[in-house]
Amino acid sequence: EHRHQAEQTYNFAYSCATSGSYRLVICDEINNAVHDGLLPQSSLESIITDCHPMTSLCLTGRDFPQELLEKVDIATSMTKLRHHYDDGFIAHRGIDF
């Protein structure tokens, strides 16, 4: 079920990223989906290489594949200092899902 949802979401994001209709496409936590085996790394590479030149693509999540670093314009590594999860809050509607 998770893999199916990840694939559906990826297909939507891919169509947005490659269409030229959007200036910004954010794929929140896509790196985790690849790392956890919900999406193949080749999908991540495809959305990067096929992205429309006028579209900025933001890929978030941990464990971005080192082999793809040369294909992106900007890469940032962030470390959590504090998160509401630490206080027992799992997710907020409209923010985390």
Protein backbone atom coordinates (compact mmCIF):
# COMPACT_ATOMS: atom_id res chain seq x y z
CA GLU A 1 0.00 0.00 0.00
CA HIS A 2 2.81 2.45 0.88
CA ARG A 3 4.69 1.63 -2.31
CA HIS A 4 1.53 2.15 -4.38
CA GLN A 5 0.87 5.53 -2.74
CA ALA A 6 4.49 6.57 -3.25
CA GLU A 7 4.30 5.65 -6.94
CA GLN A 8 1.04 7.57 -7.44
CA THR A 9 2.45 10.63 -5.71
CA TYR A 10 5.67 10.37 -7.71
CA ASN A 11 3.77 10.15 -11.00
CA PHE A 12 1.83 13.31 -10.12
CA ALA A 13 5.01 15.15 -9.09
CA TYR A 14 6.82 13.98 -12.23
CA SER A 15 4.03 15.29 -14.47
CA CYS A 16 4.12 18.64 -12.64
CA ALA A 17 7.92 18.89 -12.76
CA THR A 18 8.17 18.11 -16.47
CA SER A 19 5.12 20.03 -17.73
CA GLY A 20 6.53 23.54 -17.64
CA SER A 21 3.31 24.70 -15.95
CA TYR A 22 4.89 25.23 -12.53
CA ARG A 23 7.79 27.38 -11.37
CA LEU A 24 8.31 25.29 -8.22
CA VAL A 25 7.63 21.63 -7.44
CA ILE A 26 8.34 20.34 -3.93
CA CYS A 27 8.67 16.60 -3.38
CA ASP A 28 8.57 16.45 0.39
CA GLU A 29 10.36 13.41 1.87
CA ILE A 30 11.03 11.84 -1.55
CA ASN A 31 14.60 11.04 -0.48
CA ASN A 32 13.24 8.92 2.36
CA ALA A 33 10.89 7.12 -0.04
CA VAL A 34 13.87 6.16 -2.20
CA HIS A 35 16.04 5.21 0.77
CA ASP A 36 13.25 3.08 2.26
CA GLY A 37 12.66 1.24 -1.04
CA LEU A 38 9.24 2.73 -1.82
CA LEU A 39 10.62 4.26 -5.03
CA PRO A 40 13.62 3.21 -7.10
CA GLN A 41 16.59 5.56 -7.26
CA SER A 42 16.07 5.71 -11.02
CA SER A 43 12.79 7.56 -10.39
CA LEU A 44 14.61 10.21 -8.40
CA GLU A 45 17.18 10.53 -11.16
CA SER A 46 14.44 10.82 -13.81
CA ILE A 47 12.59 13.64 -12.08
CA ILE A 48 15.88 15.51 -11.70
CA THR A 49 17.06 15.08 -15.28
CA ASP A 50 13.65 15.49 -16.95
CA CYS A 51 12.53 18.51 -14.92
CA HIS A 52 11.50 21.46 -17.10
CA PRO A 53 14.27 24.09 -17.24
CA MET A 54 11.95 26.81 -15.89
CA THR A 55 10.85 24.69 -12.92
CA SER A 56 12.73 24.68 -9.62
CA LEU A 57 12.66 21.24 -8.03
CA CYS A 58 12.96 20.88 -4.26
CA LEU A 59 13.59 17.33 -2.99
CA THR A 60 13.48 16.89 0.77
CA GLY A 61 14.25 14.09 3.19
CA ARG A 62 17.28 12.31 4.56
CA ASP A 63 19.77 10.09 2.75
CA PHE A 64 19.96 11.77 -0.67
CA PRO A 65 21.96 9.39 -2.91
CA GLN A 66 25.55 10.61 -3.21
CA GLU A 67 25.69 9.40 -6.82
CA LEU A 68 23.10 12.01 -7.81
CA LEU A 69 24.79 15.03 -6.22
CA GLU A 70 26.39 16.07 -9.52
CA LYS A 71 22.93 16.23 -11.14
CA VAL A 72 21.43 18.83 -8.76
CA ASP A 73 22.12 22.55 -8.47
CA ILE A 74 21.89 22.83 -4.69
CA ALA A 75 22.14 20.20 -1.96
CA THR A 76 21.75 20.88 1.74
CA SER A 77 22.12 18.62 4.75
CA MET A 78 19.92 19.61 7.68
CA THR A 79 20.05 18.24 11.20
CA LYS A 80 17.06 18.32 13.55
CA LEU A 81 17.73 20.25 16.71
CA ARG A 82 14.18 20.06 18.02
CA HIS A 83 10.92 18.72 16.59
CA HIS A 84 7.37 18.53 17.93
CA TYR A 85 7.63 14.74 17.56
CA ASP A 86 10.01 14.85 20.55
CA ASP A 87 7.09 16.10 22.65
CA GLY A 88 4.76 13.32 21.55
CA PHE A 89 3.06 15.06 18.63
CA ILE A 90 3.09 12.71 15.65
CA ALA A 91 1.64 14.96 12.93
CA HIS A 92 -0.42 18.08 12.37
CA ARG A 93 -3.07 18.09 9.64
CA GLY A 94 -2.17 20.59 6.95
CA ILE A 95 1.48 20.77 7.98
CA ASP A 96 2.84 17.24 8.23
CA PHE A 97 0.24 15.54 6.03
